[in-house]
Amino acid sequence: MYIHETSVHNTQAAEVVVPIMMQLFQPQSVLDVGCGIGTWLKVFKHHGVDHITGIDGDYVNRTQLFENITTDTFIAADLTQPFAIGKQFDLAICLEVAEHLPPAAAADFVKSICAHADTVVFGAAVPGQWGQHHLNEQWPAYWMSLFAAEGFAAYDLLRSSIWHHPQVEWWYQQNMLVFSKKVWSVPAVPVAYDAIIHPAHFNQKLQYIAQLAQQHHEAQHELALWQQGKKGVRQHFKSFSKALASKFFK
């Protein structure tokens, strides 16, 4: 089960990225695979996309979800299994979802997405990104190969436009690629340049390493105090022994 926190799952990034998608793809219909509480679809609707559909697990908080989209635009499904909605869309999006599914589900998951749209905006967590219930963190080349098996090439059409935007979280800036059966005027992404790490992600890991180093230093200091009899159980035992001795062996 995945818990959607409104502090993270909001329309902030979508308000920046959706207008760019609208300009590039001009979709009249959008499918959001792993839609969460429907924040991205809400923004697509605001920008004039009349036909929106979201699909996600049955666990999604309906109160939060239906603040953003209507009941008839949501489909509950187990995304670890192949899915078929029965209609086509101009655009499908799947953002920071695939890493939450087991590796055995990856190929069918991509196949199911590709069956519903010829253009897909896709992003998934890279190794070491970490997050809630991450089961399959992979470099983009992994997903590129699965999309290629369905006839989709990868294009880097969005990242340069949002890379430094303060309103877009770094995981979107870092991971968002376009997969399409259509041929775009820009070249497909070479595998050698598909995996890039955002500075905010890198700095987060540096801070984490620094925290671990500080905790290690503090633990070593505490251990040294204990070994010297100045801390913890050993010191308490010494104090207790002295008090006991003073009471009974004056």
C-alpha atoms as a PDB file:
ATOM      1  CA  MET A   1       0.000   0.000   0.000  1.00  0.00           C
ATOM      2  CA  TYR A   2       1.202   3.495  -0.855  1.00  0.00           C
ATOM      3  CA  ILE A   3       0.249   6.536   1.237  1.00  0.00           C
ATOM      4  CA  HIS A   4      -0.199   9.786  -0.706  1.00  0.00           C
ATOM      5  CA  GLU A   5       0.792  12.807   1.337  1.00  0.00           C
ATOM      6  CA  THR A   6      -0.632  16.096   0.110  1.00  0.00           C
ATOM      7  CA  SER A   7       2.607  17.857   1.047  1.00  0.00           C
ATOM      8  CA  VAL A   8       4.232  15.940  -1.833  1.00  0.00           C
ATOM      9  CA  HIS A   9       1.316  14.841  -3.987  1.00  0.00           C
ATOM     10  CA  ASN A  10      -0.052  18.183  -5.098  1.00  0.00           C
ATOM     11  CA  THR A  11      -0.438  20.175  -8.315  1.00  0.00           C
ATOM     12  CA  GLN A  12       2.737  22.228  -7.886  1.00  0.00           C
ATOM     13  CA  ALA A  13       4.923  20.433 -10.447  1.00  0.00           C
ATOM     14  CA  ALA A  14       2.007  19.673 -12.762  1.00  0.00           C
ATOM     15  CA  GLU A  15       1.171  23.365 -13.044  1.00  0.00           C
ATOM     16  CA  VAL A  16       4.598  23.881 -14.624  1.00  0.00           C
ATOM     17  CA  VAL A  17       4.992  20.684 -16.661  1.00  0.00           C
ATOM     18  CA  VAL A  18       1.472  20.179 -18.031  1.00  0.00           C
ATOM     19  CA  PRO A  19       1.508  23.405 -20.122  1.00  0.00           C
ATOM     20  CA  ILE A  20       4.762  22.214 -21.716  1.00  0.00           C
ATOM     21  CA  MET A  21       3.182  18.836 -22.479  1.00  0.00           C
ATOM     22  CA  MET A  22       0.136  20.586 -23.917  1.00  0.00           C
ATOM     23  CA  GLN A  23       2.323  22.621 -26.265  1.00  0.00           C
ATOM     24  CA  LEU A  24       4.348  19.591 -27.356  1.00  0.00           C
ATOM     25  CA  PHE A  25       1.637  16.956 -27.699  1.00  0.00           C
ATOM     26  CA  GLN A  26      -1.671  18.887 -27.858  1.00  0.00           C
ATOM     27  CA  PRO A  27      -3.581  15.952 -26.322  1.00  0.00           C
ATOM     28  CA  GLN A  28      -7.353  15.789 -26.238  1.00  0.00           C
ATOM     29  CA  SER A  29      -7.277  12.706 -24.025  1.00  0.00           C
ATOM     30  CA  VAL A  30      -4.852  11.723 -21.247  1.00  0.00           C
ATOM     31  CA  LEU A  31      -4.361   8.525 -19.261  1.00  0.00           C
ATOM     32  CA  ASP A  32      -2.462   8.732 -15.969  1.00  0.00           C
ATOM     33  CA  VAL A  33      -1.134   5.305 -14.990  1.00  0.00           C
ATOM     34  CA  GLY A  34      -0.577   5.327 -11.247  1.00  0.00           C
ATOM     35  CA  CYS A  35      -2.555   8.543 -10.928  1.00  0.00           C
ATOM     36  CA  GLY A  36      -2.424   8.653  -7.132  1.00  0.00           C
ATOM     37  CA  ILE A  37      -4.900  11.265  -5.943  1.00  0.00           C
ATOM     38  CA  GLY A  38      -5.380  12.717  -9.425  1.00  0.00           C
ATOM     39  CA  THR A  39      -3.360  15.920  -9.153  1.00  0.00           C
ATOM     40  CA  TRP A  40      -1.825  15.745 -12.638  1.00  0.00           C
ATOM     41  CA  LEU A  41      -5.171  14.945 -14.250  1.00  0.00           C
ATOM     42  CA  LYS A  42      -6.745  17.892 -12.460  1.00  0.00           C
ATOM     43  CA  VAL A  43      -4.255  20.223 -14.132  1.00  0.00           C
ATOM     44  CA  PHE A  44      -4.744  18.601 -17.546  1.00  0.00           C
ATOM     45  CA  LYS A  45      -8.485  19.162 -17.118  1.00  0.00           C
ATOM     46  CA  HIS A  46      -7.833  22.798 -16.210  1.00  0.00           C
ATOM     47  CA  HIS A  47      -5.895  23.157 -19.475  1.00  0.00           C
ATOM     48  CA  GLY A  48      -8.782  21.949 -21.571  1.00  0.00           C
ATOM     49  CA  VAL A  49      -8.305  18.178 -21.795  1.00  0.00           C
ATOM     50  CA  ASP A  50     -11.884  16.921 -21.588  1.00  0.00           C
ATOM     51  CA  HIS A  51     -11.150  13.193 -21.653  1.00  0.00           C
ATOM     52  CA  ILE A  52      -9.054  12.167 -18.668  1.00  0.00           C
ATOM     53  CA  THR A  53      -8.716   8.778 -17.004  1.00  0.00           C
ATOM     54  CA  GLY A  54      -6.694   7.717 -13.993  1.00  0.00           C
ATOM     55  CA  ILE A  55      -5.835   4.173 -12.998  1.00  0.00           C
ATOM     56  CA  ASP A  56      -4.287   3.090  -9.712  1.00  0.00           C
ATOM     57  CA  GLY A  57      -4.660   0.654  -6.842  1.00  0.00           C
ATOM     58  CA  ASP A  58      -7.909   0.272  -4.953  1.00  0.00           C
ATOM     59  CA  TYR A  59      -6.170   1.617  -1.842  1.00  0.00           C
ATOM     60  CA  VAL A  60      -6.112   5.225  -3.137  1.00  0.00           C
ATOM     61  CA  ASN A  61      -7.734   7.617  -0.688  1.00  0.00           C
ATOM     62  CA  ARG A  62     -11.060   8.388  -2.375  1.00  0.00           C
ATOM     63  CA  THR A  63     -11.652  11.562  -0.392  1.00  0.00           C
ATOM     64  CA  GLN A  64      -8.394  13.063  -1.623  1.00  0.00           C
ATOM     65  CA  LEU A  65      -8.841  11.622  -5.127  1.00  0.00           C
ATOM     66  CA  PHE A  66     -12.319  12.992  -5.716  1.00  0.00           C
ATOM     67  CA  GLU A  67     -11.245  16.460  -4.697  1.00  0.00           C
ATOM     68  CA  ASN A  68      -9.276  16.452  -7.960  1.00  0.00           C
ATOM     69  CA  ILE A  69     -11.149  14.246 -10.433  1.00  0.00           C
ATOM     70  CA  THR A  70     -14.642  12.785 -10.713  1.00  0.00           C
ATOM     71  CA  THR A  71     -15.652   9.247  -9.817  1.00  0.00           C
ATOM     72  CA  ASP A  72     -16.288   8.263 -13.434  1.00  0.00           C
ATOM     73  CA  THR A  73     -12.709   9.095 -14.459  1.00  0.00           C
ATOM     74  CA  PHE A  74     -10.988   6.671 -12.072  1.00  0.00           C
ATOM     75  CA  ILE A  75     -10.349   2.951 -12.516  1.00  0.00           C
ATOM     76  CA  ALA A  76      -9.140   0.828  -9.608  1.00  0.00           C
ATOM     77  CA  ALA A  77      -6.752  -1.914 -10.700  1.00  0.00           C
ATOM     78  CA  ASP A  78      -3.830  -3.998  -9.519  1.00  0.00           C
ATOM     79  CA  LEU A  79      -0.931  -2.504 -11.491  1.00  0.00           C
ATOM     80  CA  THR A  80       1.219  -5.549 -10.842  1.00  0.00           C
ATOM     81  CA  GLN A  81      -1.054  -7.278 -13.383  1.00  0.00           C
ATOM     82  CA  PRO A  82      -1.615  -6.417 -17.074  1.00  0.00           C
ATOM     83  CA  PHE A  83      -4.496  -3.979 -17.569  1.00  0.00           C
ATOM     84  CA  ALA A  84      -6.730  -3.037 -20.498  1.00  0.00           C
ATOM     85  CA  ILE A  85      -9.086  -0.056 -20.409  1.00  0.00           C
ATOM     86  CA  GLY A  86     -10.541  -0.629 -23.857  1.00  0.00           C
ATOM     87  CA  LYS A  87      -9.813   2.766 -25.392  1.00  0.00           C
ATOM     88  CA  GLN A  88      -6.904   4.779 -26.764  1.00  0.00           C
ATOM     89  CA  PHE A  89      -5.480   8.063 -25.530  1.00  0.00           C
ATOM     90  CA  ASP A  90      -3.470  10.814 -27.192  1.00  0.00           C
ATOM     91  CA  LEU A  91      -1.048  10.781 -24.264  1.00  0.00           C
ATOM     92  CA  ALA A  92      -0.271   8.532 -21.315  1.00  0.00           C
ATOM     93  CA  ILE A  93       1.763   9.618 -18.322  1.00  0.00           C
ATOM     94  CA  CYS A  94       3.360   7.409 -15.680  1.00  0.00           C
ATOM     95  CA  LEU A  95       5.448   9.346 -13.185  1.00  0.00           C
ATOM     96  CA  GLU A  96       7.392   7.821 -10.278  1.00  0.00           C
ATOM     97  CA  VAL A  97       5.194   4.720 -10.239  1.00  0.00           C
ATOM     98  CA  ALA A  98       7.062   1.820 -11.862  1.00  0.00           C
ATOM     99  CA  GLU A  99       9.636   1.561  -9.068  1.00  0.00           C
ATOM    100  CA  HIS A 100       6.830   0.592  -6.675  1.00  0.00           C
ATOM    101  CA  LEU A 101       6.048  -2.579  -8.629  1.00  0.00           C
ATOM    102  CA  PRO A 102       8.021  -5.844  -8.383  1.00  0.00           C
ATOM    103  CA  PRO A 103      10.579  -6.499 -11.148  1.00  0.00           C
ATOM    104  CA  ALA A 104       8.530  -9.422 -12.447  1.00  0.00           C
ATOM    105  CA  ALA A 105       5.724  -7.001 -13.325  1.00  0.00           C
ATOM    106  CA  ALA A 106       7.852  -4.472 -15.246  1.00  0.00           C
ATOM    107  CA  ALA A 107       7.579  -5.841 -18.799  1.00  0.00           C
ATOM    108  CA  ASP A 108       3.809  -6.335 -18.688  1.00  0.00           C
ATOM    109  CA  PHE A 109       3.377  -2.957 -17.024  1.00  0.00           C
ATOM    110  CA  VAL A 110       5.182  -1.183 -19.873  1.00  0.00           C
ATOM    111  CA  LYS A 111       3.337  -3.288 -22.444  1.00  0.00           C
ATOM    112  CA  SER A 112      -0.002  -2.300 -20.905  1.00  0.00           C
ATOM    113  CA  ILE A 113       0.872   1.406 -20.977  1.00  0.00           C
ATOM    114  CA  CYS A 114       2.014   1.223 -24.593  1.00  0.00           C
ATOM    115  CA  ALA A 115      -1.230  -0.489 -25.619  1.00  0.00           C
ATOM    116  CA  HIS A 116      -3.153   2.663 -24.668  1.00  0.00           C
ATOM    117  CA  ALA A 117      -1.157   5.513 -26.243  1.00  0.00           C
ATOM    118  CA  ASP A 118       1.495   6.111 -28.899  1.00  0.00           C
ATOM    119  CA  THR A 119       3.205   8.739 -26.736  1.00  0.00           C
ATOM    120  CA  VAL A 120       4.084   8.233 -23.076  1.00  0.00           C
ATOM    121  CA  VAL A 121       5.688  10.575 -20.561  1.00  0.00           C
ATOM    122  CA  PHE A 122       7.455   8.259 -18.141  1.00  0.00           C
ATOM    123  CA  GLY A 123       9.748   8.653 -15.178  1.00  0.00           C
ATOM    124  CA  ALA A 124      10.854   6.147 -12.532  1.00  0.00           C
ATOM    125  CA  ALA A 125      13.261   6.163  -9.614  1.00  0.00           C
ATOM    126  CA  VAL A 126      16.918   5.413 -10.296  1.00  0.00           C
ATOM    127  CA  PRO A 127      19.084   3.159  -8.085  1.00  0.00           C
ATOM    128  CA  GLY A 128      19.755   4.756  -4.728  1.00  0.00           C
ATOM    129  CA  GLN A 129      16.922   7.264  -5.049  1.00  0.00           C
ATOM    130  CA  TRP A 130      15.027   5.567  -2.224  1.00  0.00           C
ATOM    131  CA  GLY A 131      11.437   6.182  -1.266  1.00  0.00           C
ATOM    132  CA  GLN A 132       8.276   4.667   0.096  1.00  0.00           C
ATOM    133  CA  HIS A 133       7.965   0.985  -0.891  1.00  0.00           C
ATOM    134  CA  HIS A 134      10.497   1.126  -3.744  1.00  0.00           C
ATOM    135  CA  LEU A 135      10.906  -2.382  -5.167  1.00  0.00           C
ATOM    136  CA  ASN A 136      12.499  -1.864  -8.578  1.00  0.00           C
ATOM    137  CA  GLU A 137      14.788   1.142  -8.881  1.00  0.00           C
ATOM    138  CA  GLN A 138      16.458   1.065 -12.297  1.00  0.00           C
ATOM    139  CA  TRP A 139      18.510   3.274 -14.597  1.00  0.00           C
ATOM    140  CA  PRO A 140      16.596   4.636 -17.608  1.00  0.00           C
ATOM    141  CA  ALA A 141      18.280   2.139 -19.963  1.00  0.00           C
ATOM    142  CA  TYR A 142      16.282  -0.629 -18.289  1.00  0.00           C
ATOM    143  CA  TRP A 143      12.978   1.067 -19.103  1.00  0.00           C
ATOM    144  CA  MET A 144      14.213   2.139 -22.535  1.00  0.00           C
ATOM    145  CA  SER A 145      14.763  -1.498 -23.455  1.00  0.00           C
ATOM    146  CA  LEU A 146      11.249  -2.453 -22.343  1.00  0.00           C
ATOM    147  CA  PHE A 147       9.692   0.393 -24.323  1.00  0.00           C
ATOM    148  CA  ALA A 148      11.884  -0.425 -27.323  1.00  0.00           C
ATOM    149  CA  ALA A 149      10.430  -3.934 -27.309  1.00  0.00           C
ATOM    150  CA  GLU A 150       7.041  -2.269 -27.926  1.00  0.00           C
ATOM    151  CA  GLY A 151       8.378  -0.058 -30.734  1.00  0.00           C
ATOM    152  CA  PHE A 152       8.836   3.120 -28.649  1.00  0.00           C
ATOM    153  CA  ALA A 153      11.963   5.279 -28.775  1.00  0.00           C
ATOM    154  CA  ALA A 154      13.063   7.561 -25.921  1.00  0.00           C
ATOM    155  CA  TYR A 155      13.225  11.335 -26.355  1.00  0.00           C
ATOM    156  CA  ASP A 156      14.513  13.926 -23.908  1.00  0.00           C
ATOM    157  CA  LEU A 157      11.887  16.586 -24.626  1.00  0.00           C
ATOM    158  CA  LEU A 158      11.109  17.870 -21.136  1.00  0.00           C
ATOM    159  CA  ARG A 159      14.045  17.805 -18.759  1.00  0.00           C
ATOM    160  CA  SER A 160      15.877  20.839 -20.127  1.00  0.00           C
ATOM    161  CA  SER A 161      12.721  22.948 -19.755  1.00  0.00           C
ATOM    162  CA  ILE A 162      12.180  22.070 -16.091  1.00  0.00           C
ATOM    163  CA  TRP A 163      15.701  21.275 -14.859  1.00  0.00           C
ATOM    164  CA  HIS A 164      16.107  24.391 -12.711  1.00  0.00           C
ATOM    165  CA  HIS A 165      12.471  25.225 -12.056  1.00  0.00           C
ATOM    166  CA  PRO A 166      11.963  25.682  -8.284  1.00  0.00           C
ATOM    167  CA  GLN A 167       8.353  24.513  -8.472  1.00  0.00           C
ATOM    168  CA  VAL A 168       9.236  21.091  -9.934  1.00  0.00           C
ATOM    169  CA  GLU A 169      10.625  18.411  -7.629  1.00  0.00           C
ATOM    170  CA  TRP A 170      14.046  17.059  -8.560  1.00  0.00           C
ATOM    171  CA  TRP A 171      12.790  13.511  -9.181  1.00  0.00           C
ATOM    172  CA  TYR A 172      10.630  14.796 -12.044  1.00  0.00           C
ATOM    173  CA  GLN A 173      13.442  16.989 -13.334  1.00  0.00           C
ATOM    174  CA  GLN A 174      15.814  14.044 -13.266  1.00  0.00           C
ATOM    175  CA  ASN A 175      13.720  11.123 -14.517  1.00  0.00           C
ATOM    176  CA  MET A 176      11.081  12.418 -16.935  1.00  0.00           C
ATOM    177  CA  LEU A 177      11.513  11.073 -20.481  1.00  0.00           C
ATOM    178  CA  VAL A 178       9.175  10.802 -23.456  1.00  0.00           C
ATOM    179  CA  PHE A 179       8.637   7.440 -25.144  1.00  0.00           C
ATOM    180  CA  SER A 180       6.912   7.495 -28.491  1.00  0.00           C
ATOM    181  CA  LYS A 181       6.159   5.560 -31.651  1.00  0.00           C
ATOM    182  CA  LYS A 182       6.229   8.897 -33.460  1.00  0.00           C
ATOM    183  CA  VAL A 183       9.472  10.275 -34.841  1.00  0.00           C
ATOM    184  CA  TRP A 184      10.362  13.640 -33.366  1.00  0.00           C
ATOM    185  CA  SER A 185      12.613  16.294 -34.880  1.00  0.00           C
ATOM    186  CA  VAL A 186      15.102  15.847 -32.030  1.00  0.00           C
ATOM    187  CA  PRO A 187      17.186  12.659 -32.002  1.00  0.00           C
ATOM    188  CA  ALA A 188      16.294   9.795 -29.702  1.00  0.00           C
ATOM    189  CA  VAL A 189      18.191   9.678 -26.423  1.00  0.00           C
ATOM    190  CA  PRO A 190      21.502   7.805 -26.728  1.00  0.00           C
ATOM    191  CA  VAL A 191      21.872   5.231 -23.967  1.00  0.00           C
ATOM    192  CA  ALA A 192      25.183   6.832 -22.985  1.00  0.00           C
ATOM    193  CA  TYR A 193      23.355  10.010 -21.907  1.00  0.00           C
ATOM    194  CA  ASP A 194      20.068   8.694 -20.578  1.00  0.00           C
ATOM    195  CA  ALA A 195      21.027   8.530 -16.883  1.00  0.00           C
ATOM    196  CA  ILE A 196      21.692  11.883 -15.266  1.00  0.00           C
ATOM    197  CA  ILE A 197      21.589  12.755 -11.586  1.00  0.00           C
ATOM    198  CA  HIS A 198      20.084  16.053 -10.520  1.00  0.00           C
ATOM    199  CA  PRO A 199      22.282  18.228  -8.258  1.00  0.00           C
ATOM    200  CA  ALA A 200      19.502  18.359  -5.646  1.00  0.00           C
ATOM    201  CA  HIS A 201      19.463  14.557  -5.549  1.00  0.00           C
ATOM    202  CA  PHE A 202      23.256  14.442  -5.295  1.00  0.00           C
ATOM    203  CA  ASN A 203      23.286  17.036  -2.495  1.00  0.00           C
ATOM    204  CA  GLN A 204      20.623  15.080  -0.625  1.00  0.00           C
ATOM    205  CA  LYS A 205      22.864  12.020  -0.640  1.00  0.00           C
ATOM    206  CA  LEU A 206      25.888  14.079   0.440  1.00  0.00           C
ATOM    207  CA  GLN A 207      23.897  15.403   3.399  1.00  0.00           C
ATOM    208  CA  TYR A 208      22.816  11.872   4.262  1.00  0.00           C
ATOM    209  CA  ILE A 209      26.433  10.664   4.191  1.00  0.00           C
ATOM    210  CA  ALA A 210      27.470  13.612   6.374  1.00  0.00           C
ATOM    211  CA  GLN A 211      24.726  12.736   8.874  1.00  0.00           C
ATOM    212  CA  LEU A 212      25.875   9.114   8.963  1.00  0.00           C
ATOM    213  CA  ALA A 213      29.447  10.251   9.537  1.00  0.00           C
ATOM    214  CA  GLN A 214      28.335  12.501  12.409  1.00  0.00           C
ATOM    215  CA  GLN A 215      26.270   9.693  13.952  1.00  0.00           C
ATOM    216  CA  HIS A 216      29.242   7.334  13.648  1.00  0.00           C
ATOM    217  CA  HIS A 217      31.495   9.879  15.345  1.00  0.00           C
ATOM    218  CA  GLU A 218      28.991  10.352  18.179  1.00  0.00           C
ATOM    219  CA  ALA A 219      28.601   6.588  18.602  1.00  0.00           C
ATOM    220  CA  GLN A 220      32.362   6.160  18.812  1.00  0.00           C
ATOM    221  CA  HIS A 221      32.516   8.913  21.423  1.00  0.00           C
ATOM    222  CA  GLU A 222      29.752   7.283  23.477  1.00  0.00           C
ATOM    223  CA  LEU A 223      31.508   3.911  23.254  1.00  0.00           C
ATOM    224  CA  ALA A 224      34.776   5.440  24.413  1.00  0.00           C
ATOM    225  CA  LEU A 225      33.049   7.019  27.419  1.00  0.00           C
ATOM    226  CA  TRP A 226      31.436   3.707  28.288  1.00  0.00           C
ATOM    227  CA  GLN A 227      34.771   1.892  28.006  1.00  0.00           C
ATOM    228  CA  GLN A 228      36.328   4.494  30.308  1.00  0.00           C
ATOM    229  CA  GLY A 229      33.554   3.950  32.840  1.00  0.00           C
ATOM    230  CA  LYS A 230      32.145   7.450  32.393  1.00  0.00           C
ATOM    231  CA  LYS A 231      28.882   6.615  30.691  1.00  0.00           C
ATOM    232  CA  GLY A 232      25.903   4.327  30.594  1.00  0.00           C
ATOM    233  CA  VAL A 233      25.368   1.031  32.440  1.00  0.00           C
ATOM    234  CA  ARG A 234      28.972   0.706  33.493  1.00  0.00           C
ATOM    235  CA  GLN A 235      28.969   4.086  35.259  1.00  0.00           C
ATOM    236  CA  HIS A 236      25.593   3.377  36.874  1.00  0.00           C
ATOM    237  CA  PHE A 237      26.885   0.010  38.083  1.00  0.00           C
ATOM    238  CA  LYS A 238      29.940   1.687  39.610  1.00  0.00           C
ATOM    239  CA  SER A 239      27.730   4.235  41.393  1.00  0.00           C
ATOM    240  CA  PHE A 240      25.405   1.491  42.620  1.00  0.00           C
ATOM    241  CA  SER A 241      28.364  -0.589  43.871  1.00  0.00           C
ATOM    242  CA  LYS A 242      29.802   2.365  45.785  1.00  0.00           C
ATOM    243  CA  ALA A 243      26.412   3.165  47.339  1.00  0.00           C
ATOM    244  CA  LEU A 244      25.911  -0.469  48.324  1.00  0.00           C
ATOM    245  CA  ALA A 245      29.377  -0.704  49.809  1.00  0.00           C
ATOM    246  CA  SER A 246      28.980   2.488  51.780  1.00  0.00           C
ATOM    247  CA  LYS A 247      25.693   1.232  53.269  1.00  0.00           C
ATOM    248  CA  PHE A 248      26.738  -2.231  54.348  1.00  0.00           C
ATOM    249  CA  PHE A 249      30.505  -2.021  54.760  1.00  0.00           C
ATOM    250  CA  LYS A 250      31.162   1.096  56.723  1.00  0.00           C
END
